[in-house]
Amino acid sequence: MSTWTPFPHDASALSYGGDKLWQAWERLHAGDQEPWPEDEASQEAWRAYHRGDFQTAVALGLKAETASGMNAANKAQSIYATYLVEDEDAKKELFEEVADRAEVAAKENPNNINAHYQHAYALGRYSQAISIAKALAQGIAGKCKASLDKTLALAPEHAEAHIALGAYHAEIIGKVGSMVGSLTYGVSKDAAEAHYEKALELIPHSAIARIEYGNGLLTLYGNKKVKDATKLYEAAAECEPRDAMETLDVAFAKSELSDD
């Protein structure tokens, strides 16, 4: 494994040593409903993830050989690929690795909530990298939807899955239109917005819920919703991050606003 790009922000406030991880767990994992890991190896993988040491999180998570360790490894690799990898081929390879690992983990333990979610997340990001049209043609979107449905069947309050389903509806409509999207894929604008709203209800502190909602509105409605999307981005930029992923989310929102 080559050396990964380091986390580009101050991580001094993102350390959760000792009992701090347990004390912050509910807040840190409100979005993904990850159960508390009882083993120290998995806890260390999550500590590395939360402070932005993504490469270490992957190594520790895989070494732990536990469901939670695998989830930490997959989430770390996916967030790293999403935000810190610029090369498109490298990005796609990282997402493919996560999707493959998560698919195996979900088959081995069908009740592992985030094995299903990480499979969907990695496939979704991979689909964005290759284009939604290609993802639809290759049947990837359907696999993503199936894993998100399984995630919510196991954990109805999995906010990140609601965000991803909102994006699923929005991006298909953005590519094929409302009528074809409804008839062929069962998607709708109302469903997209309902999933985004549910996510915000579940994690009102979240920057990424607002960012993705803003993206979805622009995909669904174009310039008609620019003001609403901008308000969501502005609110995202004001969120207080508690770990590395949230820090990257907030920084992204700020960068988008500065580009406007």
Protein backbone atom coordinates (compact mmCIF):
# COMPACT_ATOMS: atom_id res chain seq x y z
CA MET A 1 0.00 0.00 0.00
CA SER A 2 1.50 3.29 -1.09
CA THR A 3 1.56 6.25 1.27
CA TRP A 4 -1.78 8.01 1.29
CA THR A 5 -2.32 11.76 1.21
CA PRO A 6 -2.42 12.98 4.83
CA PHE A 7 -5.50 14.58 6.34
CA PRO A 8 -5.13 18.26 5.40
CA HIS A 9 -6.69 19.85 8.49
CA ASP A 10 -5.88 20.32 12.16
CA ALA A 11 -6.81 17.06 13.89
CA SER A 12 -5.90 18.08 17.43
CA ALA A 13 -9.55 18.23 18.49
CA LEU A 14 -10.43 14.98 16.76
CA SER A 15 -8.66 12.56 19.08
CA TYR A 16 -10.85 10.13 20.99
CA GLY A 17 -8.44 8.28 23.22
CA GLY A 18 -9.55 6.11 26.11
CA ASP A 19 -13.13 6.63 27.29
CA LYS A 20 -13.60 9.64 25.00
CA LEU A 21 -14.56 7.38 22.10
CA TRP A 22 -17.30 5.68 24.10
CA GLN A 23 -18.57 9.00 25.41
CA ALA A 24 -18.77 10.49 21.91
CA TRP A 25 -19.88 7.33 20.10
CA GLU A 26 -23.60 8.10 19.89
CA ARG A 27 -22.96 11.54 18.39
CA LEU A 28 -20.19 10.35 16.06
CA HIS A 29 -22.26 7.46 14.74
CA ALA A 30 -25.71 9.02 14.68
CA GLY A 31 -25.50 8.92 10.89
CA ASP A 32 -24.46 5.31 10.35
CA GLN A 33 -25.88 3.52 13.43
CA GLU A 34 -22.65 1.55 13.86
CA PRO A 35 -22.85 -0.50 17.09
CA TRP A 36 -20.20 0.06 19.74
CA PRO A 37 -17.32 -2.40 19.18
CA GLU A 38 -16.37 -4.31 22.31
CA ASP A 39 -12.87 -5.23 21.10
CA GLU A 40 -9.95 -2.83 21.41
CA ALA A 41 -8.64 -3.56 17.92
CA SER A 42 -11.81 -2.28 16.27
CA GLN A 43 -11.93 0.70 18.63
CA GLU A 44 -8.42 1.68 17.57
CA ALA A 45 -9.42 1.46 13.92
CA TRP A 46 -12.33 3.81 14.57
CA ARG A 47 -10.11 6.21 16.55
CA ALA A 48 -7.78 6.40 13.54
CA TYR A 49 -10.74 7.00 11.24
CA HIS A 50 -12.22 9.78 13.35
CA ARG A 51 -8.91 11.67 13.57
CA GLY A 52 -8.35 11.42 9.82
CA ASP A 53 -5.58 8.82 9.80
CA PHE A 54 -7.40 6.93 7.08
CA GLN A 55 -4.59 4.65 5.95
CA THR A 56 -4.00 3.48 9.53
CA ALA A 57 -7.74 2.98 10.00
CA VAL A 58 -7.84 0.68 6.98
CA ALA A 59 -4.83 -1.31 8.14
CA LEU A 60 -6.09 -1.65 11.71
CA GLY A 61 -9.63 -2.39 10.65
CA LEU A 62 -8.63 -5.20 8.31
CA LYS A 63 -6.22 -6.61 10.88
CA ALA A 64 -8.94 -6.68 13.55
CA GLU A 65 -10.87 -9.32 11.58
CA THR A 66 -14.17 -8.19 13.08
CA ALA A 67 -17.35 -6.81 11.53
CA SER A 68 -16.79 -3.40 13.11
CA GLY A 69 -13.14 -3.36 12.10
CA MET A 70 -14.10 -4.08 8.50
CA ASN A 71 -16.70 -1.31 8.62
CA ALA A 72 -14.09 1.13 9.94
CA ALA A 73 -11.68 0.13 7.18
CA ASN A 74 -14.30 0.47 4.46
CA LYS A 75 -15.60 3.81 5.68
CA ALA A 76 -12.07 5.20 6.03
CA GLN A 77 -11.16 4.13 2.49
CA SER A 78 -14.39 5.49 1.02
CA ILE A 79 -14.13 8.89 2.70
CA TYR A 80 -10.46 9.10 1.74
CA ALA A 81 -11.29 8.31 -1.90
CA THR A 82 -14.19 10.76 -1.91
CA TYR A 83 -12.26 13.76 -0.65
CA LEU A 84 -8.53 13.23 -0.87
CA VAL A 85 -7.91 11.32 -4.11
CA GLU A 86 -7.81 13.36 -7.31
CA ASP A 87 -6.80 10.70 -9.82
CA GLU A 88 -10.03 9.22 -11.20
CA ASP A 89 -8.59 5.77 -11.89
CA ALA A 90 -7.17 5.53 -8.37
CA LYS A 91 -10.47 6.73 -6.95
CA LYS A 92 -12.45 4.09 -8.84
CA GLU A 93 -10.04 1.35 -7.75
CA LEU A 94 -10.43 2.30 -4.09
CA PHE A 95 -14.22 2.25 -4.36
CA GLU A 96 -14.16 -1.10 -6.14
CA GLU A 97 -12.05 -2.57 -3.33
CA VAL A 98 -14.51 -1.33 -0.72
CA ALA A 99 -17.52 -2.61 -2.66
CA ASP A 100 -15.93 -6.05 -3.00
CA ARG A 101 -14.97 -6.27 0.68
CA ALA A 102 -18.34 -5.02 1.85
CA GLU A 103 -20.21 -7.45 -0.40
CA VAL A 104 -18.31 -10.37 1.12
CA ALA A 105 -18.86 -9.02 4.64
CA ALA A 106 -22.61 -8.68 4.02
CA LYS A 107 -22.84 -12.27 2.81
CA GLU A 108 -20.88 -13.52 5.82
CA ASN A 109 -23.00 -11.50 8.25
CA PRO A 110 -26.35 -10.42 6.73
CA ASN A 111 -27.17 -8.44 9.89
CA ASN A 112 -24.09 -6.22 9.58
CA ILE A 113 -25.84 -2.92 8.84
CA ASN A 114 -22.82 -1.07 7.52
CA ALA A 115 -21.57 -3.90 5.35
CA HIS A 116 -24.70 -3.30 3.27
CA TYR A 117 -24.37 0.46 3.52
CA GLN A 118 -20.68 0.58 2.61
CA HIS A 119 -21.38 -1.68 -0.36
CA ALA A 120 -24.01 0.81 -1.54
CA TYR A 121 -21.90 3.88 -0.77
CA ALA A 122 -18.87 2.57 -2.66
CA LEU A 123 -21.01 1.54 -5.64
CA GLY A 124 -22.71 4.93 -5.61
CA ARG A 125 -19.46 6.86 -5.64
CA TYR A 126 -18.06 4.50 -8.27
CA SER A 127 -21.17 5.17 -10.36
CA GLN A 128 -20.60 8.91 -10.12
CA ALA A 129 -17.01 8.40 -11.24
CA ILE A 130 -17.91 6.39 -14.34
CA SER A 131 -21.17 8.36 -15.03
CA ILE A 132 -24.70 7.60 -13.93
CA ALA A 133 -25.62 6.53 -17.47
CA LYS A 134 -22.96 3.80 -17.49
CA ALA A 135 -23.94 2.73 -13.98
CA LEU A 136 -27.55 2.30 -15.08
CA ALA A 137 -26.53 0.38 -18.19
CA GLN A 138 -24.28 -1.94 -16.15
CA GLY A 139 -26.91 -2.60 -13.48
CA ILE A 140 -24.78 -1.04 -10.75
CA ALA A 141 -27.52 1.38 -9.67
CA GLY A 142 -29.87 -1.52 -8.96
CA LYS A 143 -27.29 -3.22 -6.76
CA CYS A 144 -26.75 0.04 -4.90
CA LYS A 145 -30.49 0.43 -4.32
CA ALA A 146 -30.82 -3.15 -3.07
CA SER A 147 -28.07 -2.63 -0.50
CA LEU A 148 -29.59 0.65 0.68
CA ASP A 149 -32.98 -1.01 1.06
CA LYS A 150 -31.37 -3.77 3.13
CA THR A 151 -29.60 -1.17 5.25
CA LEU A 152 -32.86 0.59 6.08
CA ALA A 153 -34.65 -2.69 6.68
CA LEU A 154 -32.08 -3.40 9.40
CA ALA A 155 -31.76 0.19 10.65
CA PRO A 156 -34.66 2.48 9.66
CA GLU A 157 -32.93 5.48 11.24
CA HIS A 158 -29.72 5.08 9.25
CA ALA A 159 -29.47 8.71 8.14
CA GLU A 160 -26.58 8.18 5.74
CA ALA A 161 -28.60 5.55 3.87
CA HIS A 162 -31.48 8.03 3.60
CA ILE A 163 -29.05 10.58 2.13
CA ALA A 164 -27.79 8.02 -0.37
CA LEU A 165 -31.33 7.04 -1.38
CA GLY A 166 -32.20 10.68 -1.88
CA ALA A 167 -29.22 10.94 -4.21
CA TYR A 168 -30.24 7.72 -5.97
CA HIS A 169 -33.67 9.13 -6.84
CA ALA A 170 -32.30 12.56 -7.76
CA GLU A 171 -29.45 11.38 -9.98
CA ILE A 172 -31.56 8.93 -11.97
CA ILE A 173 -34.17 11.62 -12.59
CA GLY A 174 -31.39 14.02 -13.51
CA LYS A 175 -30.14 11.56 -16.11
CA VAL A 176 -33.33 10.07 -17.63
CA GLY A 177 -36.09 12.48 -16.54
CA SER A 178 -39.06 12.12 -14.20
CA MET A 179 -41.30 10.04 -16.46
CA VAL A 180 -38.74 7.45 -17.55
CA GLY A 181 -37.28 7.44 -14.07
CA SER A 182 -40.66 6.71 -12.53
CA LEU A 183 -41.72 4.05 -15.02
CA THR A 184 -38.36 2.27 -15.35
CA TYR A 185 -36.67 2.73 -12.00
CA GLY A 186 -39.47 3.68 -9.61
CA VAL A 187 -37.88 6.99 -8.62
CA SER A 188 -39.56 10.31 -7.91
CA LYS A 189 -38.77 13.85 -6.85
CA ASP A 190 -41.01 13.49 -3.82
CA ALA A 191 -39.17 10.39 -2.64
CA ALA A 192 -35.79 12.09 -3.10
CA GLU A 193 -36.82 15.06 -0.99
CA ALA A 194 -38.44 12.83 1.63
CA HIS A 195 -35.20 10.91 2.12
CA TYR A 196 -33.16 14.11 2.41
CA GLU A 197 -35.66 15.56 4.90
CA LYS A 198 -35.61 12.37 6.96
CA ALA A 199 -31.82 12.48 7.12
CA LEU A 200 -31.88 16.07 8.35
CA GLU A 201 -34.45 15.11 10.96
CA LEU A 202 -32.22 12.28 12.19
CA ILE A 203 -28.91 14.18 12.13
CA PRO A 204 -29.71 17.90 12.35
CA HIS A 205 -26.04 18.65 13.10
CA SER A 206 -24.88 17.20 9.77
CA ALA A 207 -23.10 19.15 7.06
CA ILE A 208 -23.20 16.32 4.53
CA ALA A 209 -26.98 15.94 4.85
CA ARG A 210 -27.31 19.59 3.82
CA ILE A 211 -24.69 19.38 1.07
CA GLU A 212 -26.31 16.35 -0.53
CA TYR A 213 -29.78 17.87 -0.18
CA GLY A 214 -28.51 20.98 -1.95
CA ASN A 215 -26.93 18.87 -4.68
CA GLY A 216 -30.16 16.94 -5.05
CA LEU A 217 -32.28 20.06 -5.42
CA LEU A 218 -30.01 21.36 -8.18
CA THR A 219 -30.09 18.00 -9.94
CA LEU A 220 -33.87 17.80 -9.73
CA TYR A 221 -34.84 21.41 -10.39
CA GLY A 222 -31.80 23.22 -11.78
CA ASN A 223 -31.64 26.99 -11.40
CA LYS A 224 -35.13 27.12 -9.89
CA LYS A 225 -33.67 25.88 -6.60
CA VAL A 226 -30.34 27.72 -6.54
CA LYS A 227 -31.37 29.89 -3.59
CA ASP A 228 -32.54 26.90 -1.57
CA ALA A 229 -29.39 24.95 -2.38
CA THR A 230 -27.21 27.91 -1.45
CA LYS A 231 -28.95 28.20 1.92
CA LEU A 232 -28.27 24.53 2.57
CA TYR A 233 -24.61 24.97 1.66
CA GLU A 234 -24.35 28.03 3.90
CA ALA A 235 -25.86 26.07 6.79
CA ALA A 236 -23.46 23.19 6.09
CA ALA A 237 -20.50 25.57 6.23
CA GLU A 238 -21.63 26.67 9.71
CA CYS A 239 -21.82 23.15 11.14
CA GLU A 240 -19.40 22.22 13.92
CA PRO A 241 -17.37 19.16 12.85
CA ARG A 242 -16.58 16.50 15.42
CA ASP A 243 -14.39 14.20 13.35
CA ALA A 244 -12.37 14.04 10.15
CA MET A 245 -15.24 13.22 7.82
CA GLU A 246 -17.32 16.07 9.17
CA THR A 247 -14.33 18.40 8.88
CA LEU A 248 -13.95 17.47 5.22
CA ASP A 249 -17.68 17.95 4.67
CA VAL A 250 -17.64 21.46 6.15
CA ALA A 251 -14.48 22.39 4.23
CA PHE A 252 -16.13 21.21 1.01
CA ALA A 253 -19.20 23.35 1.67
CA LYS A 254 -17.02 26.39 2.30
CA SER A 255 -15.03 25.78 -0.88
CA GLU A 256 -18.19 25.49 -2.97
CA LEU A 257 -19.50 28.77 -1.58
CA SER A 258 -16.22 30.55 -2.24
CA ASP A 259 -16.28 29.34 -5.85
CA ASP A 260 -19.69 30.90 -6.47
